[in-house]
N, C-alpha and C. Protein backbone atom coordinates (compact mmCIF):
# COMPACT_ATOMS: atom_id res chain seq x y z
N UNK A 1 35.25 -8.67 -17.06
CA UNK A 1 33.87 -8.58 -16.67
C UNK A 1 32.99 -8.86 -17.88
N UNK A 2 32.07 -9.77 -17.69
CA UNK A 2 31.16 -10.16 -18.76
C UNK A 2 30.01 -9.17 -18.84
N UNK A 3 29.56 -8.89 -20.08
CA UNK A 3 28.50 -7.91 -20.31
C UNK A 3 27.18 -8.62 -20.58
N UNK A 4 26.10 -8.09 -19.96
CA UNK A 4 24.75 -8.62 -20.14
C UNK A 4 23.82 -7.46 -20.53
N UNK A 5 22.69 -7.80 -21.15
CA UNK A 5 21.67 -6.82 -21.52
C UNK A 5 20.48 -6.96 -20.57
N UNK A 6 19.66 -5.89 -20.50
CA UNK A 6 18.45 -5.95 -19.68
C UNK A 6 17.53 -7.07 -20.14
N UNK A 7 16.80 -7.68 -19.23
CA UNK A 7 15.87 -8.80 -19.46
C UNK A 7 16.59 -10.07 -19.89
N UNK A 8 17.90 -10.10 -19.82
CA UNK A 8 18.64 -11.31 -20.16
C UNK A 8 18.77 -12.15 -18.90
N UNK A 9 18.68 -13.46 -19.04
CA UNK A 9 18.81 -14.37 -17.90
C UNK A 9 20.28 -14.42 -17.52
N UNK A 10 20.56 -14.23 -16.19
CA UNK A 10 21.94 -14.22 -15.71
C UNK A 10 22.04 -15.11 -14.48
N UNK A 11 23.22 -15.61 -14.22
CA UNK A 11 23.47 -16.48 -13.06
C UNK A 11 23.61 -15.62 -11.80
N UNK A 12 23.56 -16.21 -10.61
CA UNK A 12 23.68 -15.44 -9.37
C UNK A 12 25.00 -14.67 -9.30
N UNK A 13 24.93 -13.42 -8.75
CA UNK A 13 26.12 -12.59 -8.63
C UNK A 13 25.76 -11.11 -8.49
N UNK A 14 26.76 -10.26 -8.58
CA UNK A 14 26.57 -8.81 -8.46
C UNK A 14 26.81 -8.21 -9.84
N UNK A 15 25.86 -7.34 -10.26
CA UNK A 15 25.91 -6.75 -11.58
C UNK A 15 25.89 -5.21 -11.44
N UNK A 16 26.64 -4.56 -12.32
CA UNK A 16 26.80 -3.10 -12.27
C UNK A 16 26.32 -2.49 -13.58
N UNK A 17 25.45 -1.45 -13.45
CA UNK A 17 25.02 -0.67 -14.60
C UNK A 17 25.80 0.63 -14.56
N UNK A 18 26.77 0.81 -15.45
CA UNK A 18 27.63 1.99 -15.44
C UNK A 18 26.90 3.27 -15.85
N UNK A 19 25.91 3.15 -16.70
CA UNK A 19 25.19 4.35 -17.15
C UNK A 19 24.40 4.97 -16.00
N UNK A 20 23.72 4.14 -15.19
CA UNK A 20 22.91 4.64 -14.07
C UNK A 20 23.65 4.54 -12.74
N UNK A 21 24.84 3.95 -12.74
CA UNK A 21 25.64 3.72 -11.53
C UNK A 21 24.84 3.01 -10.45
N UNK A 22 24.26 1.87 -10.84
CA UNK A 22 23.47 1.07 -9.90
C UNK A 22 24.01 -0.35 -9.86
N UNK A 23 23.84 -0.96 -8.70
CA UNK A 23 24.21 -2.36 -8.50
C UNK A 23 22.94 -3.19 -8.39
N UNK A 24 22.99 -4.43 -8.87
CA UNK A 24 21.89 -5.37 -8.73
C UNK A 24 22.48 -6.70 -8.31
N UNK A 25 21.96 -7.20 -7.21
CA UNK A 25 22.44 -8.48 -6.70
C UNK A 25 21.39 -9.55 -6.99
N UNK A 26 21.81 -10.62 -7.64
CA UNK A 26 20.91 -11.75 -7.92
C UNK A 26 21.32 -12.91 -7.03
N UNK A 27 20.37 -13.39 -6.19
CA UNK A 27 20.66 -14.53 -5.30
C UNK A 27 20.50 -15.86 -6.02
N UNK A 28 19.68 -15.86 -7.05
CA UNK A 28 19.50 -17.08 -7.85
C UNK A 28 19.37 -16.67 -9.31
N UNK A 29 19.41 -17.60 -10.18
CA UNK A 29 19.37 -17.30 -11.59
C UNK A 29 18.06 -16.61 -11.93
N UNK A 30 18.15 -15.48 -12.73
CA UNK A 30 16.95 -14.74 -13.09
C UNK A 30 17.26 -13.66 -14.12
N UNK A 31 16.25 -12.87 -14.43
CA UNK A 31 16.38 -11.83 -15.44
C UNK A 31 16.88 -10.54 -14.80
N UNK A 32 17.73 -9.82 -15.56
CA UNK A 32 18.22 -8.51 -15.11
C UNK A 32 17.18 -7.44 -15.45
N UNK A 33 17.04 -6.39 -14.62
CA UNK A 33 16.06 -5.34 -14.91
C UNK A 33 16.52 -4.46 -16.07
N UNK A 34 15.56 -3.73 -16.65
CA UNK A 34 15.87 -2.80 -17.73
C UNK A 34 15.41 -3.29 -19.07
N UNK A 35 15.68 -2.48 -20.10
CA UNK A 35 15.29 -2.82 -21.47
C UNK A 35 16.47 -3.49 -22.17
N UNK A 36 16.28 -3.80 -23.44
CA UNK A 36 17.34 -4.43 -24.22
C UNK A 36 18.54 -3.52 -24.43
N UNK A 37 18.36 -2.20 -24.24
CA UNK A 37 19.46 -1.25 -24.41
C UNK A 37 20.28 -1.09 -23.12
N UNK A 38 19.75 -1.55 -21.99
CA UNK A 38 20.45 -1.42 -20.71
C UNK A 38 21.59 -2.42 -20.65
N UNK A 39 22.77 -1.93 -20.27
CA UNK A 39 23.97 -2.78 -20.22
C UNK A 39 24.35 -3.03 -18.76
N UNK A 40 24.54 -4.30 -18.42
CA UNK A 40 24.97 -4.70 -17.08
C UNK A 40 26.30 -5.44 -17.20
N UNK A 41 27.17 -5.24 -16.24
CA UNK A 41 28.46 -5.95 -16.20
C UNK A 41 28.56 -6.73 -14.90
N UNK A 42 28.98 -7.96 -15.01
CA UNK A 42 29.12 -8.78 -13.81
C UNK A 42 30.42 -8.41 -13.11
N UNK A 43 30.31 -8.16 -11.78
CA UNK A 43 31.46 -7.77 -10.98
C UNK A 43 31.91 -9.00 -10.18
N UNK A 44 33.19 -9.35 -10.25
CA UNK A 44 33.67 -10.50 -9.47
C UNK A 44 33.55 -10.21 -7.96
N UNK A 45 33.29 -11.25 -7.19
CA UNK A 45 33.09 -11.11 -5.75
C UNK A 45 34.35 -10.58 -5.07
N UNK A 46 35.52 -11.03 -5.53
CA UNK A 46 36.78 -10.58 -4.93
C UNK A 46 36.98 -9.06 -5.11
N UNK A 47 36.62 -8.55 -6.29
CA UNK A 47 36.71 -7.11 -6.54
C UNK A 47 35.74 -6.34 -5.64
N UNK A 48 34.55 -6.87 -5.41
CA UNK A 48 33.58 -6.21 -4.53
C UNK A 48 34.08 -6.21 -3.08
N UNK A 49 34.79 -7.26 -2.65
CA UNK A 49 35.34 -7.30 -1.29
C UNK A 49 36.38 -6.20 -1.08
N UNK A 50 37.12 -5.85 -2.12
CA UNK A 50 38.12 -4.79 -2.02
C UNK A 50 37.47 -3.42 -2.20
N UNK A 51 36.52 -3.30 -3.13
CA UNK A 51 35.92 -2.01 -3.45
C UNK A 51 34.92 -1.54 -2.39
N UNK A 52 34.25 -2.45 -1.71
CA UNK A 52 33.20 -2.06 -0.75
C UNK A 52 33.73 -1.18 0.38
N UNK A 53 34.85 -1.49 1.03
CA UNK A 53 35.33 -0.59 2.08
C UNK A 53 35.76 0.78 1.53
N UNK A 54 36.35 0.79 0.35
CA UNK A 54 36.78 2.06 -0.25
C UNK A 54 35.55 2.94 -0.56
N UNK A 55 34.52 2.34 -1.12
CA UNK A 55 33.30 3.09 -1.42
C UNK A 55 32.64 3.57 -0.13
N UNK A 56 32.65 2.73 0.91
CA UNK A 56 32.06 3.11 2.19
C UNK A 56 32.79 4.28 2.83
N UNK A 57 34.12 4.25 2.80
CA UNK A 57 34.90 5.36 3.38
C UNK A 57 34.65 6.65 2.60
N UNK A 58 34.61 6.57 1.28
CA UNK A 58 34.34 7.75 0.47
C UNK A 58 32.95 8.30 0.78
N UNK A 59 31.99 7.43 0.91
CA UNK A 59 30.63 7.86 1.25
C UNK A 59 30.60 8.50 2.63
N UNK A 60 31.29 7.90 3.60
CA UNK A 60 31.32 8.41 4.98
C UNK A 60 31.98 9.78 5.05
N UNK A 61 33.02 10.01 4.25
CA UNK A 61 33.74 11.29 4.28
C UNK A 61 33.02 12.36 3.47
N UNK A 62 32.59 12.05 2.27
CA UNK A 62 32.09 13.07 1.37
C UNK A 62 30.62 13.41 1.54
N UNK A 63 29.80 12.53 2.12
CA UNK A 63 28.39 12.86 2.29
C UNK A 63 28.20 14.06 3.21
N UNK A 64 28.83 14.11 4.40
CA UNK A 64 28.68 15.33 5.22
C UNK A 64 29.30 16.55 4.54
N UNK A 65 30.42 16.37 3.86
CA UNK A 65 31.07 17.48 3.17
C UNK A 65 30.15 18.06 2.10
N UNK A 66 29.48 17.20 1.37
CA UNK A 66 28.54 17.67 0.34
C UNK A 66 27.40 18.45 0.98
N UNK A 67 26.92 17.97 2.12
CA UNK A 67 25.85 18.70 2.83
C UNK A 67 26.29 20.08 3.25
N UNK A 68 27.49 20.18 3.82
CA UNK A 68 28.00 21.50 4.24
C UNK A 68 28.23 22.41 3.05
N UNK A 69 28.74 21.87 1.95
CA UNK A 69 28.95 22.68 0.75
C UNK A 69 27.64 23.18 0.16
N UNK A 70 26.61 22.33 0.17
CA UNK A 70 25.31 22.76 -0.34
C UNK A 70 24.72 23.85 0.55
N UNK A 71 24.85 23.69 1.87
CA UNK A 71 24.36 24.72 2.80
C UNK A 71 25.11 26.03 2.59
N UNK A 72 26.43 25.96 2.43
CA UNK A 72 27.22 27.17 2.18
C UNK A 72 26.79 27.83 0.85
N UNK A 73 26.51 27.04 -0.15
CA UNK A 73 26.06 27.59 -1.43
C UNK A 73 24.72 28.31 -1.31
N UNK A 74 23.77 27.70 -0.60
CA UNK A 74 22.46 28.33 -0.41
C UNK A 74 22.61 29.62 0.38
N UNK A 75 23.38 29.60 1.46
CA UNK A 75 23.59 30.81 2.26
C UNK A 75 24.32 31.88 1.46
N UNK A 76 25.27 31.48 0.63
CA UNK A 76 25.99 32.44 -0.20
C UNK A 76 25.07 33.14 -1.18
N UNK A 77 24.16 32.39 -1.80
CA UNK A 77 23.22 32.99 -2.75
C UNK A 77 22.29 33.96 -2.01
N UNK A 78 21.81 33.56 -0.83
CA UNK A 78 20.91 34.43 -0.06
C UNK A 78 21.64 35.71 0.37
N UNK A 79 22.89 35.60 0.81
CA UNK A 79 23.65 36.78 1.20
C UNK A 79 23.93 37.68 0.00
N UNK A 80 24.19 37.10 -1.14
CA UNK A 80 24.41 37.88 -2.35
C UNK A 80 23.15 38.67 -2.71
N UNK A 81 21.98 37.99 -2.67
CA UNK A 81 20.73 38.67 -2.99
C UNK A 81 20.44 39.80 -1.99
N UNK A 82 20.69 39.55 -0.71
CA UNK A 82 20.47 40.57 0.32
C UNK A 82 21.39 41.77 0.10
N UNK A 83 22.66 41.51 -0.15
CA UNK A 83 23.61 42.59 -0.39
C UNK A 83 23.26 43.37 -1.64
N UNK A 84 22.81 42.69 -2.66
CA UNK A 84 22.43 43.36 -3.91
C UNK A 84 21.23 44.27 -3.67
N UNK A 85 20.22 43.76 -2.94
CA UNK A 85 19.05 44.59 -2.65
C UNK A 85 19.42 45.81 -1.80
N UNK A 86 20.33 45.61 -0.84
CA UNK A 86 20.75 46.74 0.00
C UNK A 86 21.49 47.79 -0.83
N UNK A 87 22.37 47.34 -1.71
CA UNK A 87 23.11 48.29 -2.54
C UNK A 87 22.20 49.03 -3.52
N UNK A 88 21.25 48.32 -4.10
CA UNK A 88 20.33 48.97 -5.03
C UNK A 88 19.48 49.99 -4.29
N UNK A 89 19.11 49.70 -3.04
CA UNK A 89 18.34 50.65 -2.26
C UNK A 89 19.17 51.82 -1.77
N UNK A 90 20.48 51.62 -1.58
CA UNK A 90 21.33 52.68 -1.05
C UNK A 90 21.85 53.63 -2.12
N UNK A 91 21.86 53.21 -3.36
CA UNK A 91 22.43 54.04 -4.42
C UNK A 91 21.70 55.39 -4.55
N UNK A 92 20.36 55.43 -4.56
CA UNK A 92 19.72 56.75 -4.67
C UNK A 92 20.04 57.67 -3.48
N UNK A 93 20.25 57.10 -2.32
CA UNK A 93 20.56 57.90 -1.15
C UNK A 93 21.99 58.43 -1.23
N UNK A 94 22.89 57.62 -1.70
CA UNK A 94 24.29 57.99 -1.75
C UNK A 94 24.66 58.85 -2.96
N UNK A 95 23.83 58.83 -3.98
CA UNK A 95 24.13 59.59 -5.19
C UNK A 95 23.93 61.08 -4.91
N UNK A 96 24.94 61.89 -5.11
CA UNK A 96 24.77 63.32 -4.84
C UNK A 96 23.97 64.00 -5.95
N UNK A 97 23.17 64.96 -5.54
CA UNK A 97 22.43 65.76 -6.51
C UNK A 97 23.26 67.02 -6.76
N UNK A 98 24.42 66.86 -7.35
CA UNK A 98 25.38 67.93 -7.51
C UNK A 98 25.02 68.80 -8.70
N UNK A 99 24.85 70.08 -8.43
CA UNK A 99 24.58 71.04 -9.49
C UNK A 99 25.53 72.20 -9.27
N UNK A 100 26.58 72.30 -10.06
CA UNK A 100 27.62 73.28 -9.80
C UNK A 100 27.15 74.72 -9.89
N UNK A 101 26.09 75.03 -10.59
CA UNK A 101 25.65 76.40 -10.74
C UNK A 101 24.80 76.87 -9.57
N UNK A 102 24.33 75.96 -8.72
CA UNK A 102 23.48 76.33 -7.60
C UNK A 102 24.28 76.41 -6.32
N UNK A 103 23.86 77.26 -5.42
CA UNK A 103 24.50 77.35 -4.11
C UNK A 103 24.17 76.09 -3.33
N UNK A 104 25.05 75.68 -2.44
CA UNK A 104 24.86 74.44 -1.70
C UNK A 104 23.63 74.49 -0.81
N UNK A 105 23.33 75.64 -0.22
CA UNK A 105 22.24 75.71 0.74
C UNK A 105 20.88 75.95 0.10
N UNK A 106 20.82 76.16 -1.18
CA UNK A 106 19.53 76.39 -1.83
C UNK A 106 19.10 75.11 -2.53
N UNK A 107 18.61 74.16 -1.76
CA UNK A 107 18.23 72.88 -2.33
C UNK A 107 16.72 72.77 -2.53
N UNK A 108 16.05 73.85 -2.82
CA UNK A 108 14.61 73.81 -3.04
C UNK A 108 14.29 73.17 -4.38
N UNK A 109 13.01 73.06 -4.65
CA UNK A 109 12.60 72.51 -5.93
C UNK A 109 12.94 73.50 -7.03
N UNK A 110 13.39 73.05 -8.16
CA UNK A 110 13.69 73.97 -9.25
C UNK A 110 12.40 74.61 -9.77
N UNK A 111 12.41 75.91 -9.93
CA UNK A 111 11.22 76.64 -10.38
C UNK A 111 11.10 76.54 -11.89
N UNK A 112 9.88 76.71 -12.35
CA UNK A 112 9.66 76.71 -13.79
C UNK A 112 10.15 78.03 -14.36
N UNK A 113 10.37 78.08 -15.64
CA UNK A 113 10.91 79.28 -16.29
C UNK A 113 9.97 80.48 -16.11
N UNK A 114 8.66 80.25 -16.23
CA UNK A 114 7.71 81.36 -16.08
C UNK A 114 7.77 81.95 -14.68
N UNK A 115 7.82 81.06 -13.68
CA UNK A 115 7.88 81.53 -12.30
C UNK A 115 9.18 82.28 -12.04
N UNK A 116 10.25 81.85 -12.64
CA UNK A 116 11.53 82.54 -12.47
C UNK A 116 11.47 83.97 -13.03
N UNK A 117 10.88 84.10 -14.22
CA UNK A 117 10.77 85.43 -14.84
C UNK A 117 9.89 86.36 -14.00
N UNK A 118 8.77 85.83 -13.49
CA UNK A 118 7.89 86.64 -12.65
C UNK A 118 8.60 87.05 -11.37
N UNK A 119 9.36 86.14 -10.78
CA UNK A 119 10.07 86.45 -9.55
C UNK A 119 11.14 87.51 -9.81
N UNK A 120 11.81 87.46 -10.95
CA UNK A 120 12.82 88.46 -11.28
C UNK A 120 12.19 89.84 -11.48
N UNK A 121 11.01 89.87 -12.09
CA UNK A 121 10.32 91.15 -12.30
C UNK A 121 9.87 91.75 -10.98
N UNK A 122 9.41 90.92 -10.06
CA UNK A 122 8.92 91.40 -8.78
C UNK A 122 10.04 91.78 -7.83
N UNK A 123 11.18 91.16 -7.98
CA UNK A 123 12.27 91.40 -7.04
C UNK A 123 12.77 92.84 -7.17
N UNK A 124 13.01 93.45 -6.05
CA UNK A 124 13.53 94.82 -6.05
C UNK A 124 15.03 94.80 -5.92
N UNK A 125 15.67 95.56 -6.73
CA UNK A 125 17.12 95.68 -6.65
C UNK A 125 17.43 97.10 -6.18
N UNK A 126 17.68 97.23 -4.91
CA UNK A 126 17.88 98.56 -4.31
C UNK A 126 19.07 99.28 -4.93
N UNK A 127 20.12 98.59 -5.14
CA UNK A 127 21.31 99.23 -5.68
C UNK A 127 21.03 99.79 -7.06
N UNK A 128 20.33 98.98 -7.90
CA UNK A 128 20.01 99.44 -9.25
C UNK A 128 19.08 100.65 -9.20
N UNK A 129 18.10 100.61 -8.30
CA UNK A 129 17.18 101.75 -8.17
C UNK A 129 17.93 103.00 -7.71
N UNK A 130 18.82 102.87 -6.74
CA UNK A 130 19.60 104.02 -6.26
C UNK A 130 20.49 104.57 -7.37
N UNK A 131 21.08 103.68 -8.14
CA UNK A 131 21.94 104.11 -9.24
C UNK A 131 21.14 104.86 -10.29
N UNK A 132 19.93 104.41 -10.58
CA UNK A 132 19.07 105.12 -11.55
C UNK A 132 18.69 106.51 -11.03
N UNK A 133 18.32 106.55 -9.74
CA UNK A 133 17.93 107.85 -9.16
C UNK A 133 19.10 108.83 -9.20
N UNK A 134 20.31 108.38 -8.87
CA UNK A 134 21.48 109.26 -8.92
C UNK A 134 21.75 109.72 -10.34
N UNK A 135 21.55 108.80 -11.30
CA UNK A 135 21.76 109.17 -12.71
C UNK A 135 20.75 110.22 -13.13
N UNK A 136 19.50 110.07 -12.71
CA UNK A 136 18.47 111.06 -13.05
C UNK A 136 18.79 112.41 -12.42
N UNK A 137 19.21 112.38 -11.15
CA UNK A 137 19.56 113.63 -10.46
C UNK A 137 20.73 114.33 -11.16
N UNK A 138 21.73 113.53 -11.58
CA UNK A 138 22.87 114.12 -12.28
C UNK A 138 22.44 114.72 -13.63
N UNK A 139 21.50 114.06 -14.30
CA UNK A 139 20.99 114.56 -15.58
C UNK A 139 20.21 115.85 -15.36
N UNK A 140 19.43 115.92 -14.28
CA UNK A 140 18.63 117.11 -14.01
C UNK A 140 19.50 118.30 -13.62
N UNK A 141 20.57 118.04 -12.91
CA UNK A 141 21.47 119.10 -12.49
C UNK A 141 22.20 119.71 -13.69
N UNK A 142 22.48 119.04 -14.65
CA UNK A 142 23.21 119.55 -15.81
C UNK A 142 22.32 120.28 -16.69
């Protein structure tokens, strides 16, 4: 295959640019498109007669396959994002607020230290009061 540069005058035929993967067909003698750095190669007609059906079959088979793969990729990304958002939203609900020192049924708001001390002072302990009274009575009897 003979090599030509862009803007070079070439005879009629089929030319291939490997860098851009493009074909250019010249029906009569003329200039090839591109700059002086663009490289074109002349493809023999016999090679194009053999390659054209192979390229057509590959295009016919892989174009729909590429479409289905792209659709599957887009749907996969969307499903991944949806699942991620669902899991991030479910984690606070599923995370237990386990506090081993607290009873299971007392899930109220934790009180401040001052409120706890005041509540302890106000709370009556009947057993302790009865024990003190018995101790006083025993002391008085002796």
